[in-house]
Amino acid sequence: EILSSLLDLITSLEIVNHVGITLRRVVLGYLLGSALGYALGFACGILPRLNRLLQVTVEYLRPMPSVALIPIAILFLGMGDGLNVMIIAWACAWPVFINTLNGVAGVDRELLLTAKTFGASRGRTLASVVVPASLPFVFTGLRVGLGIAVAVVVITEMVASGTGLGAFILSTSISYRIPQMYAGIVVIGAFGYVLNRAFLEAERRVLSWHRGQCAGTS
């Protein structure tokens, strides 16, 4: 019955439209949050003084549940896409920030000394040594952030949106369209799976040098 409902929803394009809306929100929020998290994490990683200056503020804001900010976001952004995107961005930024900070701050000192020995400028060292060496950590944060983005978009759509997969699941539940509700949940699972597989493929391509290095070392 659930599969039959899912086929009907796909044929009528009802759920396809919701998938498109949710995908747009996830992509925009994820990209924005990842960019902000990476920029701040990189800056704090190469500037220990900045990291110490922001540490209390960061540790205060980081554990704050993103859904707790929905009422504030509604006041400033209303109930549209902007709210969903900003809440997703907030939630995604923190794992990217933490992993980027650890990756940049933990770059092997021998690599930095080697670059200095060869006369590399600070900018060249950052671009050729620090950025590549920290990428495995960054991608770990990006993958965690992607999973968080999928979870958060469903919650925000349920609480403060009339469209998207989250809103679809909630509305079908309230109207007792139970097979359609379960069909929506199945789609959410498939949605997250496809995004994760796409991310893993991108990671495999970008970090192919790192995997080959690890294999050679082992």
C-alpha atoms as a PDB file:
ATOM      1  CA  GLU A   1       0.000   0.000   0.000  1.00  0.00           C
ATOM      2  CA  ILE A   2       2.871   2.357   0.811  1.00  0.00           C
ATOM      3  CA  LEU A   3       4.595   1.572  -2.495  1.00  0.00           C
ATOM      4  CA  SER A   4       1.349   2.106  -4.370  1.00  0.00           C
ATOM      5  CA  SER A   5       0.907   5.468  -2.661  1.00  0.00           C
ATOM      6  CA  LEU A   6       4.487   6.389  -3.496  1.00  0.00           C
ATOM      7  CA  LEU A   7       3.956   5.586  -7.180  1.00  0.00           C
ATOM      8  CA  ASP A   8       0.801   7.703  -7.206  1.00  0.00           C
ATOM      9  CA  LEU A   9       2.630  10.597  -5.562  1.00  0.00           C
ATOM     10  CA  ILE A  10       5.453  10.373  -8.097  1.00  0.00           C
ATOM     11  CA  THR A  11       3.064  10.120 -11.047  1.00  0.00           C
ATOM     12  CA  SER A  12       1.094  13.132  -9.887  1.00  0.00           C
ATOM     13  CA  LEU A  13       4.377  14.995  -9.228  1.00  0.00           C
ATOM     14  CA  GLU A  14       3.070  15.951  -5.775  1.00  0.00           C
ATOM     15  CA  ILE A  15       6.041  14.557  -3.909  1.00  0.00           C
ATOM     16  CA  VAL A  16       8.477  15.422  -6.705  1.00  0.00           C
ATOM     17  CA  ASN A  17       7.718  19.103  -6.204  1.00  0.00           C
ATOM     18  CA  HIS A  18       8.347  18.777  -2.461  1.00  0.00           C
ATOM     19  CA  VAL A  19      11.646  16.973  -3.118  1.00  0.00           C
ATOM     20  CA  GLY A  20      12.780  19.832  -5.354  1.00  0.00           C
ATOM     21  CA  ILE A  21      11.945  22.421  -2.700  1.00  0.00           C
ATOM     22  CA  THR A  22      13.738  20.476   0.030  1.00  0.00           C
ATOM     23  CA  LEU A  23      16.762  19.863  -2.187  1.00  0.00           C
ATOM     24  CA  ARG A  24      17.084  23.580  -2.950  1.00  0.00           C
ATOM     25  CA  ARG A  25      16.959  24.470   0.739  1.00  0.00           C
ATOM     26  CA  VAL A  26      19.486  21.803   1.685  1.00  0.00           C
ATOM     27  CA  VAL A  27      21.952  22.797  -1.027  1.00  0.00           C
ATOM     28  CA  LEU A  28      21.767  26.533  -0.274  1.00  0.00           C
ATOM     29  CA  GLY A  29      21.935  26.110   3.495  1.00  0.00           C
ATOM     30  CA  TYR A  30      24.677  23.506   3.286  1.00  0.00           C
ATOM     31  CA  LEU A  31      26.863  25.559   0.971  1.00  0.00           C
ATOM     32  CA  LEU A  32      26.409  28.718   3.030  1.00  0.00           C
ATOM     33  CA  GLY A  33      27.052  27.015   6.356  1.00  0.00           C
ATOM     34  CA  SER A  34      30.030  25.061   5.022  1.00  0.00           C
ATOM     35  CA  ALA A  35      31.615  28.198   3.572  1.00  0.00           C
ATOM     36  CA  LEU A  36      31.202  30.131   6.820  1.00  0.00           C
ATOM     37  CA  GLY A  37      32.396  27.219   8.950  1.00  0.00           C
ATOM     38  CA  TYR A  38      35.442  26.657   6.756  1.00  0.00           C
ATOM     39  CA  ALA A  39      36.419  30.318   6.648  1.00  0.00           C
ATOM     40  CA  LEU A  40      36.149  30.763  10.420  1.00  0.00           C
ATOM     41  CA  GLY A  41      37.802  27.432  11.185  1.00  0.00           C
ATOM     42  CA  PHE A  42      40.697  28.150   8.827  1.00  0.00           C
ATOM     43  CA  ALA A  43      41.220  31.607  10.297  1.00  0.00           C
ATOM     44  CA  CYS A  44      41.196  30.291  13.864  1.00  0.00           C
ATOM     45  CA  GLY A  45      43.524  27.442  12.873  1.00  0.00           C
ATOM     46  CA  ILE A  46      46.243  29.700  11.488  1.00  0.00           C
ATOM     47  CA  LEU A  47      45.711  32.472  14.042  1.00  0.00           C
ATOM     48  CA  PRO A  48      45.862  30.991  17.575  1.00  0.00           C
ATOM     49  CA  ARG A  49      45.247  34.422  19.092  1.00  0.00           C
ATOM     50  CA  LEU A  50      41.961  34.726  17.188  1.00  0.00           C
ATOM     51  CA  ASN A  51      41.003  31.233  18.301  1.00  0.00           C
ATOM     52  CA  ARG A  52      41.585  32.120  21.946  1.00  0.00           C
ATOM     53  CA  LEU A  53      39.672  35.379  21.523  1.00  0.00           C
ATOM     54  CA  LEU A  54      36.598  33.620  20.087  1.00  0.00           C
ATOM     55  CA  GLN A  55      36.764  30.453  22.167  1.00  0.00           C
ATOM     56  CA  VAL A  56      34.216  31.437  24.819  1.00  0.00           C
ATOM     57  CA  THR A  57      31.761  32.776  22.241  1.00  0.00           C
ATOM     58  CA  VAL A  58      32.113  29.704  20.040  1.00  0.00           C
ATOM     59  CA  GLU A  59      31.692  27.263  22.919  1.00  0.00           C
ATOM     60  CA  TYR A  60      28.583  29.157  24.018  1.00  0.00           C
ATOM     61  CA  LEU A  61      26.947  29.137  20.584  1.00  0.00           C
ATOM     62  CA  ARG A  62      28.066  25.732  19.280  1.00  0.00           C
ATOM     63  CA  PRO A  63      25.946  23.488  21.565  1.00  0.00           C
ATOM     64  CA  MET A  64      22.826  25.603  21.019  1.00  0.00           C
ATOM     65  CA  PRO A  65      20.188  23.503  19.186  1.00  0.00           C
ATOM     66  CA  SER A  66      19.455  24.972  15.792  1.00  0.00           C
ATOM     67  CA  VAL A  67      15.699  24.443  16.230  1.00  0.00           C
ATOM     68  CA  ALA A  68      15.794  26.772  19.248  1.00  0.00           C
ATOM     69  CA  LEU A  69      16.627  29.595  16.831  1.00  0.00           C
ATOM     70  CA  ILE A  70      13.524  29.078  14.692  1.00  0.00           C
ATOM     71  CA  PRO A  71      11.409  31.662  16.619  1.00  0.00           C
ATOM     72  CA  ILE A  72      14.171  34.264  16.204  1.00  0.00           C
ATOM     73  CA  ALA A  73      14.542  33.423  12.515  1.00  0.00           C
ATOM     74  CA  ILE A  74      10.786  33.791  12.012  1.00  0.00           C
ATOM     75  CA  LEU A  75      10.922  37.314  13.461  1.00  0.00           C
ATOM     76  CA  PHE A  76      13.626  38.433  11.057  1.00  0.00           C
ATOM     77  CA  LEU A  77      13.087  36.238   7.986  1.00  0.00           C
ATOM     78  CA  GLY A  78       9.423  35.262   8.044  1.00  0.00           C
ATOM     79  CA  MET A  79       8.241  31.789   7.056  1.00  0.00           C
ATOM     80  CA  GLY A  80       9.871  31.481   3.634  1.00  0.00           C
ATOM     81  CA  ASP A  81      12.930  29.737   2.268  1.00  0.00           C
ATOM     82  CA  GLY A  82      15.237  32.189   4.010  1.00  0.00           C
ATOM     83  CA  LEU A  83      14.341  30.757   7.411  1.00  0.00           C
ATOM     84  CA  ASN A  84      15.021  27.168   6.340  1.00  0.00           C
ATOM     85  CA  VAL A  85      18.289  28.071   4.645  1.00  0.00           C
ATOM     86  CA  MET A  86      19.638  30.045   7.602  1.00  0.00           C
ATOM     87  CA  ILE A  87      18.765  27.372  10.177  1.00  0.00           C
ATOM     88  CA  ILE A  88      20.424  24.703   8.015  1.00  0.00           C
ATOM     89  CA  ALA A  89      23.473  26.923   7.547  1.00  0.00           C
ATOM     90  CA  TRP A  90      23.779  27.464  11.294  1.00  0.00           C
ATOM     91  CA  ALA A  91      23.600  23.724  11.996  1.00  0.00           C
ATOM     92  CA  CYS A  92      26.065  22.774   9.223  1.00  0.00           C
ATOM     93  CA  ALA A  93      28.649  25.424  10.036  1.00  0.00           C
ATOM     94  CA  TRP A  94      29.750  23.970  13.380  1.00  0.00           C
ATOM     95  CA  PRO A  95      31.019  20.506  12.386  1.00  0.00           C
ATOM     96  CA  VAL A  96      32.835  22.078   9.433  1.00  0.00           C
ATOM     97  CA  PHE A  97      34.313  24.739  11.707  1.00  0.00           C
ATOM     98  CA  ILE A  98      35.561  22.273  14.326  1.00  0.00           C
ATOM     99  CA  ASN A  99      37.090  19.849  11.836  1.00  0.00           C
ATOM    100  CA  THR A 100      38.696  22.613   9.790  1.00  0.00           C
ATOM    101  CA  LEU A 101      40.175  24.165  12.925  1.00  0.00           C
ATOM    102  CA  ASN A 102      41.606  20.829  14.062  1.00  0.00           C
ATOM    103  CA  GLY A 103      42.906  20.023  10.601  1.00  0.00           C
ATOM    104  CA  VAL A 104      44.641  23.363  10.079  1.00  0.00           C
ATOM    105  CA  ALA A 105      46.054  23.576  13.605  1.00  0.00           C
ATOM    106  CA  GLY A 106      47.245  19.968  13.447  1.00  0.00           C
ATOM    107  CA  VAL A 107      49.249  20.158  10.207  1.00  0.00           C
ATOM    108  CA  ASP A 108      52.507  18.229  10.584  1.00  0.00           C
ATOM    109  CA  ARG A 109      55.196  20.661  11.705  1.00  0.00           C
ATOM    110  CA  GLU A 110      57.763  18.907   9.507  1.00  0.00           C
ATOM    111  CA  LEU A 111      55.762  19.874   6.435  1.00  0.00           C
ATOM    112  CA  LEU A 112      55.759  23.514   7.514  1.00  0.00           C
ATOM    113  CA  LEU A 113      59.491  23.459   8.239  1.00  0.00           C
ATOM    114  CA  THR A 114      60.185  21.852   4.860  1.00  0.00           C
ATOM    115  CA  ALA A 115      58.233  24.592   3.081  1.00  0.00           C
ATOM    116  CA  LYS A 116      60.148  27.224   5.054  1.00  0.00           C
ATOM    117  CA  THR A 117      63.461  25.567   4.163  1.00  0.00           C
ATOM    118  CA  PHE A 118      62.623  25.819   0.468  1.00  0.00           C
ATOM    119  CA  GLY A 119      61.832  29.504   0.872  1.00  0.00           C
ATOM    120  CA  ALA A 120      58.076  29.296   0.393  1.00  0.00           C
ATOM    121  CA  SER A 121      56.203  32.443   1.325  1.00  0.00           C
ATOM    122  CA  ARG A 122      53.447  32.344   3.939  1.00  0.00           C
ATOM    123  CA  GLY A 123      50.764  32.485   1.259  1.00  0.00           C
ATOM    124  CA  ARG A 124      52.418  29.693  -0.743  1.00  0.00           C
ATOM    125  CA  THR A 125      52.748  27.582   2.405  1.00  0.00           C
ATOM    126  CA  LEU A 126      49.070  28.025   3.217  1.00  0.00           C
ATOM    127  CA  ALA A 127      47.979  27.164  -0.326  1.00  0.00           C
ATOM    128  CA  SER A 128      50.396  24.297  -0.990  1.00  0.00           C
ATOM    129  CA  VAL A 129      50.801  22.742   2.456  1.00  0.00           C
ATOM    130  CA  VAL A 130      48.130  23.747   4.969  1.00  0.00           C
ATOM    131  CA  VAL A 131      45.082  23.567   2.687  1.00  0.00           C
ATOM    132  CA  PRO A 132      45.827  20.097   1.214  1.00  0.00           C
ATOM    133  CA  ALA A 133      46.985  18.640   4.536  1.00  0.00           C
ATOM    134  CA  SER A 134      43.796  19.750   6.295  1.00  0.00           C
ATOM    135  CA  LEU A 135      41.384  18.569   3.578  1.00  0.00           C
ATOM    136  CA  PRO A 136      40.745  15.081   5.064  1.00  0.00           C
ATOM    137  CA  PHE A 137      39.582  16.734   8.287  1.00  0.00           C
ATOM    138  CA  VAL A 138      37.498  19.247   6.355  1.00  0.00           C
ATOM    139  CA  PHE A 139      35.725  16.522   4.396  1.00  0.00           C
ATOM    140  CA  THR A 140      34.892  14.706   7.617  1.00  0.00           C
ATOM    141  CA  GLY A 141      33.178  17.851   8.862  1.00  0.00           C
ATOM    142  CA  LEU A 142      31.444  18.340   5.524  1.00  0.00           C
ATOM    143  CA  ARG A 143      30.010  14.824   5.597  1.00  0.00           C
ATOM    144  CA  VAL A 144      28.737  15.251   9.151  1.00  0.00           C
ATOM    145  CA  GLY A 145      27.267  18.609   8.174  1.00  0.00           C
ATOM    146  CA  LEU A 146      25.441  17.071   5.218  1.00  0.00           C
ATOM    147  CA  GLY A 147      23.682  14.551   7.470  1.00  0.00           C
ATOM    148  CA  ILE A 148      22.744  17.336   9.859  1.00  0.00           C
ATOM    149  CA  ALA A 149      21.375  19.404   6.954  1.00  0.00           C
ATOM    150  CA  VAL A 150      18.954  16.636   5.951  1.00  0.00           C
ATOM    151  CA  ALA A 151      17.736  16.202   9.526  1.00  0.00           C
ATOM    152  CA  VAL A 152      17.360  19.927  10.169  1.00  0.00           C
ATOM    153  CA  VAL A 153      15.509  20.684   6.933  1.00  0.00           C
ATOM    154  CA  VAL A 154      12.817  18.151   7.830  1.00  0.00           C
ATOM    155  CA  ILE A 155      12.369  19.726  11.269  1.00  0.00           C
ATOM    156  CA  THR A 156      12.243  23.301   9.991  1.00  0.00           C
ATOM    157  CA  GLU A 157       9.780  22.376   7.261  1.00  0.00           C
ATOM    158  CA  MET A 158       7.538  20.690   9.828  1.00  0.00           C
ATOM    159  CA  VAL A 159       7.660  23.637  12.205  1.00  0.00           C
ATOM    160  CA  ALA A 160       7.776  26.686   9.971  1.00  0.00           C
ATOM    161  CA  SER A 161       6.984  25.869   6.369  1.00  0.00           C
ATOM    162  CA  GLY A 162       4.052  24.764   4.263  1.00  0.00           C
ATOM    163  CA  THR A 163       6.177  23.109   1.594  1.00  0.00           C
ATOM    164  CA  GLY A 164       8.965  20.542   1.383  1.00  0.00           C
ATOM    165  CA  LEU A 165       9.188  16.917   2.477  1.00  0.00           C
ATOM    166  CA  GLY A 166       8.952  17.753   6.169  1.00  0.00           C
ATOM    167  CA  ALA A 167       5.751  19.727   5.687  1.00  0.00           C
ATOM    168  CA  PHE A 168       4.383  16.964   3.438  1.00  0.00           C
ATOM    169  CA  ILE A 169       4.967  14.292   6.090  1.00  0.00           C
ATOM    170  CA  LEU A 170       3.374  16.427   8.793  1.00  0.00           C
ATOM    171  CA  SER A 171       0.337  17.380   6.694  1.00  0.00           C
ATOM    172  CA  THR A 172      -0.324  13.780   5.610  1.00  0.00           C
ATOM    173  CA  SER A 173      -0.072  12.676   9.233  1.00  0.00           C
ATOM    174  CA  ILE A 174      -2.546  15.302  10.437  1.00  0.00           C
ATOM    175  CA  SER A 175      -4.978  14.462   7.635  1.00  0.00           C
ATOM    176  CA  TYR A 176      -4.627  10.703   8.345  1.00  0.00           C
ATOM    177  CA  ARG A 177      -3.186   9.935   4.919  1.00  0.00           C
ATOM    178  CA  ILE A 178      -1.068   7.292   6.577  1.00  0.00           C
ATOM    179  CA  PRO A 179       0.263   5.425   3.482  1.00  0.00           C
ATOM    180  CA  GLN A 180       1.279   8.770   1.978  1.00  0.00           C
ATOM    181  CA  MET A 181       2.976   9.732   5.240  1.00  0.00           C
ATOM    182  CA  TYR A 182       5.076   6.564   5.197  1.00  0.00           C
ATOM    183  CA  ALA A 183       5.812   7.120   1.523  1.00  0.00           C
ATOM    184  CA  GLY A 184       7.197  10.547   2.455  1.00  0.00           C
ATOM    185  CA  ILE A 185       9.406   8.959   5.108  1.00  0.00           C
ATOM    186  CA  VAL A 186      10.695   6.456   2.535  1.00  0.00           C
ATOM    187  CA  VAL A 187      11.535   9.354   0.212  1.00  0.00           C
ATOM    188  CA  ILE A 188      13.409  11.159   3.005  1.00  0.00           C
ATOM    189  CA  GLY A 189      15.563   8.082   3.540  1.00  0.00           C
ATOM    190  CA  ALA A 190      16.276   7.782  -0.179  1.00  0.00           C
ATOM    191  CA  PHE A 191      16.948  11.522  -0.341  1.00  0.00           C
ATOM    192  CA  GLY A 192      19.615  11.323   2.364  1.00  0.00           C
ATOM    193  CA  TYR A 193      21.129   8.177   0.870  1.00  0.00           C
ATOM    194  CA  VAL A 194      21.543   9.720  -2.588  1.00  0.00           C
ATOM    195  CA  LEU A 195      23.110  12.883  -1.173  1.00  0.00           C
ATOM    196  CA  ASN A 196      25.525  10.833   0.925  1.00  0.00           C
ATOM    197  CA  ARG A 197      26.558   8.665  -2.042  1.00  0.00           C
ATOM    198  CA  ALA A 198      27.120  11.763  -4.184  1.00  0.00           C
ATOM    199  CA  PHE A 199      29.245  13.289  -1.433  1.00  0.00           C
ATOM    200  CA  LEU A 200      31.340  10.108  -1.044  1.00  0.00           C
ATOM    201  CA  GLU A 201      31.982  10.055  -4.781  1.00  0.00           C
ATOM    202  CA  ALA A 202      33.109  13.695  -4.715  1.00  0.00           C
ATOM    203  CA  GLU A 203      35.311  12.987  -1.704  1.00  0.00           C
ATOM    204  CA  ARG A 204      36.865   9.985  -3.440  1.00  0.00           C
ATOM    205  CA  ARG A 205      37.800  12.096  -6.431  1.00  0.00           C
ATOM    206  CA  VAL A 206      39.110  15.096  -4.506  1.00  0.00           C
ATOM    207  CA  LEU A 207      41.084  13.050  -1.955  1.00  0.00           C
ATOM    208  CA  SER A 208      42.360  10.356  -4.320  1.00  0.00           C
ATOM    209  CA  TRP A 209      45.925  11.504  -3.588  1.00  0.00           C
ATOM    210  CA  HIS A 210      45.345  11.082   0.142  1.00  0.00           C
ATOM    211  CA  ARG A 211      43.979   7.551  -0.189  1.00  0.00           C
ATOM    212  CA  GLY A 212      46.909   6.567  -2.381  1.00  0.00           C
ATOM    213  CA  GLN A 213      49.298   8.059   0.168  1.00  0.00           C
ATOM    214  CA  CYS A 214      47.645   6.110   3.008  1.00  0.00           C
ATOM    215  CA  ALA A 215      47.788   2.889   0.998  1.00  0.00           C
ATOM    216  CA  GLY A 216      51.454   3.447   0.236  1.00  0.00           C
ATOM    217  CA  THR A 217      52.236   4.129   3.874  1.00  0.00           C
ATOM    218  CA  SER A 218      50.420   1.003   5.058  1.00  0.00           C
END
